[in-house]
Amino acid sequence: MNRDYFPKSRNFRLFWLSADAPAWCETPAGAAMSGCWYLTENGCLPLADAWEIIAITRKVNGSGMDDAAERLTYSNYILQALEAVATAQSES
């Protein structure tokens, strides 16, 4: 694994250097944390805030845009579902 991929946070870096990191990344919490780390380290969060799904895809995959339309459809569906949950919670 390329050391340039390791997070800048020393505490997180120490964990990633451990032999347990691959198994942890296969758990829901580990997958979420490693995904958040990747998006943060690669400047994707401002793009996510602006809902620039295609720009995020280009940052993550380079020129590979396979299934970009499907990814955008899924992203919009998830956003609608989260908005519905937030609305329901604010009304209760």
Protein backbone atom coordinates (compact mmCIF):
# COMPACT_ATOMS: atom_id res chain seq x y z
CA MET A 1 0.00 0.00 0.00
CA ASN A 2 1.29 3.45 -0.92
CA ARG A 3 2.16 5.52 2.16
CA ASP A 4 0.83 8.63 0.37
CA TYR A 5 -2.63 7.16 0.84
CA PHE A 6 -2.42 7.19 4.62
CA PRO A 7 -4.34 9.92 6.43
CA LYS A 8 -2.55 12.96 7.76
CA SER A 9 -3.88 12.49 11.28
CA ARG A 10 -1.20 10.73 13.34
CA ASN A 11 -3.73 8.75 15.42
CA PHE A 12 -5.56 7.54 12.36
CA ARG A 13 -2.28 6.77 10.60
CA LEU A 14 -1.18 4.54 13.46
CA PHE A 15 -4.39 2.58 13.16
CA TRP A 16 -4.03 2.24 9.40
CA LEU A 17 -0.56 0.84 9.80
CA SER A 18 -1.88 -1.97 11.98
CA ALA A 19 -2.61 -5.42 10.61
CA ASP A 20 -6.24 -5.03 11.75
CA ALA A 21 -7.02 -2.15 9.36
CA PRO A 22 -8.19 -4.24 6.35
CA ALA A 23 -10.65 -6.25 8.45
CA TRP A 24 -11.90 -3.10 10.17
CA CYS A 25 -12.51 -1.43 6.79
CA GLU A 26 -14.82 -4.32 5.91
CA THR A 27 -17.15 -3.46 8.80
CA PRO A 28 -19.90 -0.84 8.33
CA ALA A 29 -18.17 1.58 10.71
CA GLY A 30 -14.78 1.02 9.13
CA ALA A 31 -16.13 1.40 5.60
CA ALA A 32 -17.85 4.65 6.57
CA MET A 33 -14.75 5.99 8.33
CA SER A 34 -12.36 5.06 5.52
CA GLY A 35 -14.76 6.52 2.95
CA CYS A 36 -15.01 9.76 4.92
CA TRP A 37 -11.24 9.88 5.25
CA TYR A 38 -10.78 9.39 1.49
CA LEU A 39 -13.31 12.07 0.59
CA THR A 40 -11.79 14.50 3.09
CA GLU A 41 -8.20 13.89 2.03
CA ASN A 42 -9.03 14.25 -1.65
CA GLY A 43 -11.01 17.48 -1.43
CA CYS A 44 -14.40 15.94 -2.21
CA LEU A 45 -16.40 17.38 0.70
CA PRO A 46 -16.90 20.87 -0.82
CA LEU A 47 -18.04 19.13 -3.99
CA ALA A 48 -20.45 16.99 -1.97
CA ASP A 49 -21.84 20.09 -0.24
CA ALA A 50 -22.49 21.57 -3.69
CA TRP A 51 -23.98 18.22 -4.86
CA GLU A 52 -21.39 17.95 -7.64
CA ILE A 53 -21.67 14.17 -7.97
CA ILE A 54 -20.09 14.09 -11.43
CA ALA A 55 -17.10 16.16 -10.21
CA ILE A 56 -16.66 13.79 -7.25
CA THR A 57 -16.78 10.83 -9.63
CA ARG A 58 -14.02 12.42 -11.72
CA LYS A 59 -11.88 13.06 -8.61
CA VAL A 60 -12.30 9.49 -7.41
CA ASN A 61 -12.21 7.62 -10.73
CA GLY A 62 -10.24 9.98 -12.95
CA SER A 63 -11.56 9.83 -16.47
CA GLY A 64 -13.56 6.66 -15.77
CA MET A 65 -17.20 7.66 -15.91
CA ASP A 66 -18.80 4.21 -16.22
CA ASP A 67 -22.27 4.19 -14.68
CA ALA A 68 -22.11 7.93 -13.87
CA ALA A 69 -25.80 8.44 -14.71
CA GLU A 70 -26.78 5.51 -12.48
CA ARG A 71 -24.58 6.85 -9.66
CA LEU A 72 -26.29 10.25 -9.95
CA THR A 73 -29.73 8.60 -9.87
CA TYR A 74 -28.80 6.62 -6.72
CA SER A 75 -27.34 9.72 -5.09
CA ASN A 76 -30.49 11.73 -5.75
CA TYR A 77 -32.64 8.88 -4.40
CA ILE A 78 -30.58 8.69 -1.21
CA LEU A 79 -30.76 12.47 -0.76
CA GLN A 80 -34.56 12.37 -1.10
CA ALA A 81 -34.77 9.55 1.44
CA LEU A 82 -32.58 11.44 3.93
CA GLU A 83 -34.63 14.60 3.45
CA ALA A 84 -37.83 12.63 4.12
CA VAL A 85 -36.37 11.22 7.34
CA ALA A 86 -35.21 14.67 8.46
CA THR A 87 -38.65 16.13 7.74
CA ALA A 88 -40.41 13.32 9.62
CA GLN A 89 -38.12 13.77 12.62
CA SER A 90 -38.64 17.54 12.72
CA GLU A 91 -42.42 17.07 12.63
CA SER A 92 -42.45 14.68 15.57
